N, C-alpha and C. Protein backbone atom coordinates (compact mmCIF):
# COMPACT_ATOMS: atom_id res chain seq x y z
N UNK A 1 -29.35 6.27 0.66
CA UNK A 1 -30.69 5.75 0.88
C UNK A 1 -30.64 4.80 2.08
N UNK A 2 -31.65 4.88 2.93
CA UNK A 2 -31.65 4.02 4.12
C UNK A 2 -31.86 2.55 3.76
N UNK A 3 -31.53 1.70 4.72
CA UNK A 3 -31.74 0.26 4.58
C UNK A 3 -33.16 -0.07 5.03
N UNK A 4 -33.82 -1.00 4.34
CA UNK A 4 -35.18 -1.41 4.68
C UNK A 4 -35.19 -2.88 5.07
N UNK A 5 -35.87 -3.20 6.18
CA UNK A 5 -35.97 -4.57 6.66
C UNK A 5 -37.44 -4.91 6.87
N UNK A 6 -37.89 -5.99 6.28
CA UNK A 6 -39.27 -6.43 6.44
C UNK A 6 -39.41 -7.15 7.78
N UNK A 7 -40.45 -6.82 8.54
CA UNK A 7 -40.69 -7.46 9.84
C UNK A 7 -41.41 -8.79 9.71
N UNK A 8 -41.83 -9.14 8.50
CA UNK A 8 -42.49 -10.42 8.26
C UNK A 8 -41.70 -11.17 7.19
N UNK A 9 -40.78 -12.04 7.60
CA UNK A 9 -39.97 -12.78 6.63
C UNK A 9 -40.84 -13.51 5.61
N UNK A 10 -40.42 -13.42 4.34
CA UNK A 10 -41.18 -14.04 3.27
C UNK A 10 -42.21 -13.12 2.64
N UNK A 11 -42.43 -11.94 3.22
CA UNK A 11 -43.42 -10.98 2.70
C UNK A 11 -42.74 -9.71 2.19
N UNK A 12 -41.46 -9.77 1.85
CA UNK A 12 -40.70 -8.60 1.44
C UNK A 12 -41.28 -7.97 0.17
N UNK A 13 -41.19 -6.65 0.09
CA UNK A 13 -41.59 -5.91 -1.10
C UNK A 13 -40.46 -5.96 -2.12
N UNK A 14 -40.80 -5.95 -3.39
CA UNK A 14 -39.78 -5.97 -4.44
C UNK A 14 -38.92 -4.71 -4.38
N UNK A 15 -39.53 -3.54 -4.20
CA UNK A 15 -38.78 -2.29 -4.14
C UNK A 15 -39.41 -1.34 -3.11
N UNK A 16 -39.04 -1.49 -1.84
CA UNK A 16 -39.64 -0.62 -0.83
C UNK A 16 -39.20 0.83 -0.96
N UNK A 17 -38.08 1.11 -1.65
CA UNK A 17 -37.59 2.48 -1.78
C UNK A 17 -38.61 3.39 -2.50
N UNK A 18 -39.21 2.89 -3.58
CA UNK A 18 -40.18 3.69 -4.32
C UNK A 18 -41.42 3.98 -3.48
N UNK A 19 -41.90 2.97 -2.77
CA UNK A 19 -43.07 3.17 -1.91
C UNK A 19 -42.74 4.13 -0.79
N UNK A 20 -41.53 4.03 -0.23
CA UNK A 20 -41.10 4.90 0.86
C UNK A 20 -41.02 6.36 0.40
N UNK A 21 -40.52 6.59 -0.79
CA UNK A 21 -40.41 7.97 -1.31
C UNK A 21 -41.77 8.65 -1.42
N UNK A 22 -42.78 7.88 -1.77
CA UNK A 22 -44.12 8.44 -1.93
C UNK A 22 -44.95 8.36 -0.65
N UNK A 23 -44.40 7.80 0.41
CA UNK A 23 -45.15 7.58 1.65
C UNK A 23 -45.49 8.89 2.35
N UNK A 24 -46.61 8.88 3.03
CA UNK A 24 -47.09 10.02 3.81
C UNK A 24 -46.51 9.95 5.22
N UNK A 25 -46.03 11.07 5.71
CA UNK A 25 -45.47 11.13 7.06
C UNK A 25 -46.59 11.35 8.07
N UNK A 26 -46.65 10.45 9.05
CA UNK A 26 -47.59 10.60 10.17
C UNK A 26 -46.76 10.43 11.43
N UNK A 27 -46.49 11.56 12.06
CA UNK A 27 -45.57 11.62 13.20
C UNK A 27 -44.22 11.05 12.79
N UNK A 28 -43.67 10.09 13.52
CA UNK A 28 -42.35 9.55 13.16
C UNK A 28 -42.44 8.41 12.16
N UNK A 29 -43.63 7.98 11.82
CA UNK A 29 -43.84 6.84 10.91
C UNK A 29 -44.09 7.32 9.49
N UNK A 30 -44.00 6.40 8.54
CA UNK A 30 -44.32 6.69 7.13
C UNK A 30 -45.32 5.64 6.67
N UNK A 31 -46.37 6.09 6.01
CA UNK A 31 -47.41 5.20 5.51
C UNK A 31 -47.45 5.29 4.00
N UNK A 32 -47.01 4.22 3.34
CA UNK A 32 -47.01 4.16 1.89
C UNK A 32 -48.24 3.42 1.40
N UNK A 33 -48.33 3.25 0.10
CA UNK A 33 -49.47 2.52 -0.46
C UNK A 33 -49.30 1.01 -0.29
N UNK A 34 -48.05 0.56 -0.05
CA UNK A 34 -47.78 -0.87 0.10
C UNK A 34 -47.35 -1.29 1.50
N UNK A 35 -46.82 -0.35 2.30
CA UNK A 35 -46.27 -0.74 3.59
C UNK A 35 -46.31 0.41 4.60
N UNK A 36 -46.20 0.03 5.86
CA UNK A 36 -46.05 0.96 6.97
C UNK A 36 -44.59 0.89 7.40
N UNK A 37 -43.92 2.04 7.48
CA UNK A 37 -42.49 2.10 7.78
C UNK A 37 -42.27 2.62 9.19
N UNK A 38 -41.44 1.88 9.94
CA UNK A 38 -41.13 2.22 11.33
C UNK A 38 -39.65 2.59 11.43
N UNK A 39 -39.32 3.75 12.01
CA UNK A 39 -37.91 4.13 12.11
C UNK A 39 -37.15 3.27 13.11
N UNK A 40 -35.94 2.87 12.74
CA UNK A 40 -35.06 2.11 13.62
C UNK A 40 -33.64 2.61 13.41
N UNK A 41 -33.26 3.64 14.18
CA UNK A 41 -31.94 4.24 14.01
C UNK A 41 -31.83 4.91 12.65
N UNK A 42 -30.82 4.51 11.89
CA UNK A 42 -30.61 5.08 10.55
C UNK A 42 -31.27 4.24 9.46
N UNK A 43 -32.02 3.23 9.84
CA UNK A 43 -32.70 2.39 8.86
C UNK A 43 -34.19 2.37 9.16
N UNK A 44 -34.93 1.65 8.34
CA UNK A 44 -36.38 1.55 8.49
C UNK A 44 -36.80 0.09 8.45
N UNK A 45 -37.73 -0.26 9.31
CA UNK A 45 -38.38 -1.57 9.25
C UNK A 45 -39.76 -1.33 8.66
N UNK A 46 -40.30 -2.33 7.99
CA UNK A 46 -41.62 -2.13 7.41
C UNK A 46 -42.50 -3.36 7.55
N UNK A 47 -43.81 -3.09 7.52
CA UNK A 47 -44.84 -4.12 7.57
C UNK A 47 -45.68 -3.95 6.31
N UNK A 48 -45.72 -4.94 5.43
CA UNK A 48 -46.57 -4.83 4.24
C UNK A 48 -48.04 -4.69 4.67
N UNK A 49 -48.73 -3.75 4.06
CA UNK A 49 -50.13 -3.49 4.44
C UNK A 49 -51.04 -4.68 4.15
N UNK A 50 -50.75 -5.43 3.09
CA UNK A 50 -51.62 -6.57 2.77
C UNK A 50 -51.45 -7.72 3.76
N UNK A 51 -50.44 -7.64 4.63
CA UNK A 51 -50.23 -8.68 5.65
C UNK A 51 -50.97 -8.37 6.95
N UNK A 52 -51.43 -7.13 7.11
CA UNK A 52 -52.11 -6.75 8.36
C UNK A 52 -53.50 -7.36 8.42
N UNK A 53 -53.79 -8.02 9.54
CA UNK A 53 -55.09 -8.63 9.76
C UNK A 53 -56.04 -7.68 10.48
N UNK A 54 -55.47 -6.86 11.38
CA UNK A 54 -56.32 -6.05 12.25
C UNK A 54 -55.55 -4.83 12.72
N UNK A 55 -56.24 -3.71 12.87
CA UNK A 55 -55.68 -2.49 13.45
C UNK A 55 -56.76 -1.86 14.30
N UNK A 56 -56.41 -1.48 15.52
CA UNK A 56 -57.40 -0.82 16.38
C UNK A 56 -56.74 0.20 17.28
N UNK A 57 -57.54 1.20 17.64
CA UNK A 57 -57.08 2.28 18.50
C UNK A 57 -56.83 1.74 19.91
N UNK A 58 -55.82 2.29 20.54
CA UNK A 58 -55.45 1.90 21.90
C UNK A 58 -54.94 3.16 22.61
N UNK A 59 -54.39 2.99 23.78
CA UNK A 59 -53.75 4.11 24.48
C UNK A 59 -52.71 3.58 25.45
N UNK A 60 -51.86 4.46 25.87
CA UNK A 60 -50.87 4.13 26.89
C UNK A 60 -50.98 5.20 27.97
N UNK A 61 -50.64 4.85 29.18
CA UNK A 61 -50.71 5.78 30.29
C UNK A 61 -49.30 6.12 30.73
N UNK A 62 -49.04 7.40 30.79
CA UNK A 62 -47.73 7.88 31.23
C UNK A 62 -47.90 8.41 32.64
N UNK A 63 -47.14 7.86 33.58
CA UNK A 63 -47.19 8.30 34.97
C UNK A 63 -45.88 8.98 35.34
N UNK A 64 -45.98 10.04 36.11
CA UNK A 64 -44.78 10.76 36.55
C UNK A 64 -45.06 11.39 37.90
N UNK A 65 -44.00 11.73 38.58
CA UNK A 65 -44.12 12.41 39.86
C UNK A 65 -44.09 11.45 41.03
N UNK A 66 -43.64 11.94 42.16
CA UNK A 66 -43.58 11.12 43.37
C UNK A 66 -44.58 11.61 44.41
N UNK A 67 -44.53 12.89 44.72
CA UNK A 67 -45.45 13.43 45.72
C UNK A 67 -46.85 13.61 45.13
N UNK A 68 -46.88 14.18 43.96
CA UNK A 68 -48.15 14.39 43.27
C UNK A 68 -48.07 13.61 41.96
N UNK A 69 -48.83 12.56 41.87
CA UNK A 69 -48.79 11.70 40.69
C UNK A 69 -49.54 12.35 39.54
N UNK A 70 -48.93 12.31 38.38
CA UNK A 70 -49.54 12.84 37.17
C UNK A 70 -49.71 11.68 36.20
N UNK A 71 -50.93 11.53 35.69
CA UNK A 71 -51.21 10.48 34.71
C UNK A 71 -51.74 11.14 33.44
N UNK A 72 -51.20 10.70 32.33
CA UNK A 72 -51.64 11.24 31.05
C UNK A 72 -51.83 10.09 30.08
N UNK A 73 -52.96 10.08 29.41
CA UNK A 73 -53.21 9.06 28.40
C UNK A 73 -52.76 9.58 27.05
N UNK A 74 -51.98 8.77 26.34
CA UNK A 74 -51.52 9.10 25.00
C UNK A 74 -52.08 8.08 24.03
N UNK A 75 -52.40 8.49 22.82
CA UNK A 75 -52.95 7.55 21.84
C UNK A 75 -51.91 6.55 21.36
N UNK A 76 -52.39 5.41 20.94
CA UNK A 76 -51.55 4.36 20.37
C UNK A 76 -52.41 3.58 19.38
N UNK A 77 -51.74 2.79 18.57
CA UNK A 77 -52.43 1.97 17.59
C UNK A 77 -51.85 0.57 17.67
N UNK A 78 -52.70 -0.43 17.85
CA UNK A 78 -52.26 -1.82 17.90
C UNK A 78 -52.50 -2.46 16.54
N UNK A 79 -51.48 -3.15 16.02
CA UNK A 79 -51.55 -3.81 14.72
C UNK A 79 -51.26 -5.29 14.89
N UNK A 80 -51.95 -6.13 14.11
CA UNK A 80 -51.73 -7.58 14.14
C UNK A 80 -51.56 -8.11 12.72
N UNK A 81 -50.61 -9.01 12.58
CA UNK A 81 -50.40 -9.74 11.32
C UNK A 81 -50.07 -11.17 11.73
N UNK A 82 -51.03 -12.06 11.56
CA UNK A 82 -50.83 -13.43 12.02
C UNK A 82 -50.68 -13.46 13.52
N UNK A 83 -49.61 -14.07 14.01
CA UNK A 83 -49.37 -14.15 15.44
C UNK A 83 -48.51 -13.00 15.97
N UNK A 84 -48.05 -12.13 15.10
CA UNK A 84 -47.21 -11.01 15.51
C UNK A 84 -48.07 -9.77 15.75
N UNK A 85 -47.61 -8.93 16.68
CA UNK A 85 -48.33 -7.68 16.94
C UNK A 85 -47.33 -6.56 17.21
N UNK A 86 -47.77 -5.34 16.94
CA UNK A 86 -46.97 -4.16 17.16
C UNK A 86 -47.85 -3.08 17.74
N UNK A 87 -47.25 -2.17 18.51
CA UNK A 87 -47.96 -1.01 19.03
C UNK A 87 -47.23 0.23 18.54
N UNK A 88 -47.96 1.11 17.88
CA UNK A 88 -47.41 2.38 17.43
C UNK A 88 -47.77 3.43 18.48
N UNK A 89 -46.78 3.99 19.15
CA UNK A 89 -47.02 5.03 20.13
C UNK A 89 -47.11 6.36 19.41
N UNK A 90 -48.18 7.08 19.66
CA UNK A 90 -48.46 8.35 18.98
C UNK A 90 -48.56 9.47 19.98
N UNK A 91 -48.53 10.69 19.47
CA UNK A 91 -48.68 11.87 20.32
C UNK A 91 -50.04 12.53 20.15
N UNK A 92 -50.62 12.43 18.95
CA UNK A 92 -51.89 13.12 18.66
C UNK A 92 -52.99 12.12 18.34
N UNK A 93 -54.17 12.30 18.91
CA UNK A 93 -55.29 11.41 18.59
C UNK A 93 -55.64 11.41 17.10
N UNK A 94 -55.45 12.53 16.42
CA UNK A 94 -55.76 12.60 14.99
C UNK A 94 -54.86 11.67 14.18
N UNK A 95 -53.67 11.39 14.67
CA UNK A 95 -52.76 10.48 13.97
C UNK A 95 -53.31 9.07 13.94
N UNK A 96 -53.90 8.63 15.03
CA UNK A 96 -54.50 7.29 15.07
C UNK A 96 -55.65 7.21 14.07
N UNK A 97 -56.46 8.26 13.99
CA UNK A 97 -57.57 8.29 13.04
C UNK A 97 -57.04 8.26 11.61
N UNK A 98 -55.96 8.98 11.32
CA UNK A 98 -55.36 8.98 9.97
C UNK A 98 -54.91 7.58 9.58
N UNK A 99 -54.26 6.88 10.50
CA UNK A 99 -53.82 5.51 10.22
C UNK A 99 -55.02 4.60 9.95
N UNK A 100 -56.01 4.65 10.83
CA UNK A 100 -57.17 3.78 10.69
C UNK A 100 -57.93 4.06 9.39
N UNK A 101 -58.07 5.32 9.04
CA UNK A 101 -58.74 5.67 7.78
C UNK A 101 -57.97 5.11 6.58
N UNK A 102 -56.67 5.28 6.58
CA UNK A 102 -55.84 4.81 5.47
C UNK A 102 -55.84 3.28 5.39
N UNK A 103 -55.79 2.62 6.52
CA UNK A 103 -55.73 1.15 6.52
C UNK A 103 -57.07 0.52 6.17
N UNK A 104 -58.17 1.23 6.42
CA UNK A 104 -59.48 0.65 6.13
C UNK A 104 -59.88 0.81 4.67
N UNK A 105 -59.13 1.55 3.87
CA UNK A 105 -59.46 1.76 2.46
C UNK A 105 -59.12 0.55 1.60
N UNK A 106 -58.41 -0.41 2.15
CA UNK A 106 -57.98 -1.57 1.37
C UNK A 106 -59.13 -2.39 0.87
């Protein structure tokens, strides 16, 4: 079983393994009923959902090429908990909507 690390000290879940097993996979992330899990090598970091203050859709711009510049906008999701913030980089716009729908049900 992987190791779990809470990104908000003092807000640790009693048993993140059970929540992780039942979590829904959205791209490389896992969304459980109690926490959002972020992959970090062979372990997982998590943010308890009840600690999140705000979540909103964002985007990132990927630039490539030297002679002919190519710009592509990719979806992202910005999350805030107190003074800390995280950006989830996504590949599909529907993934951002899935996260926002799930997080707004609280």
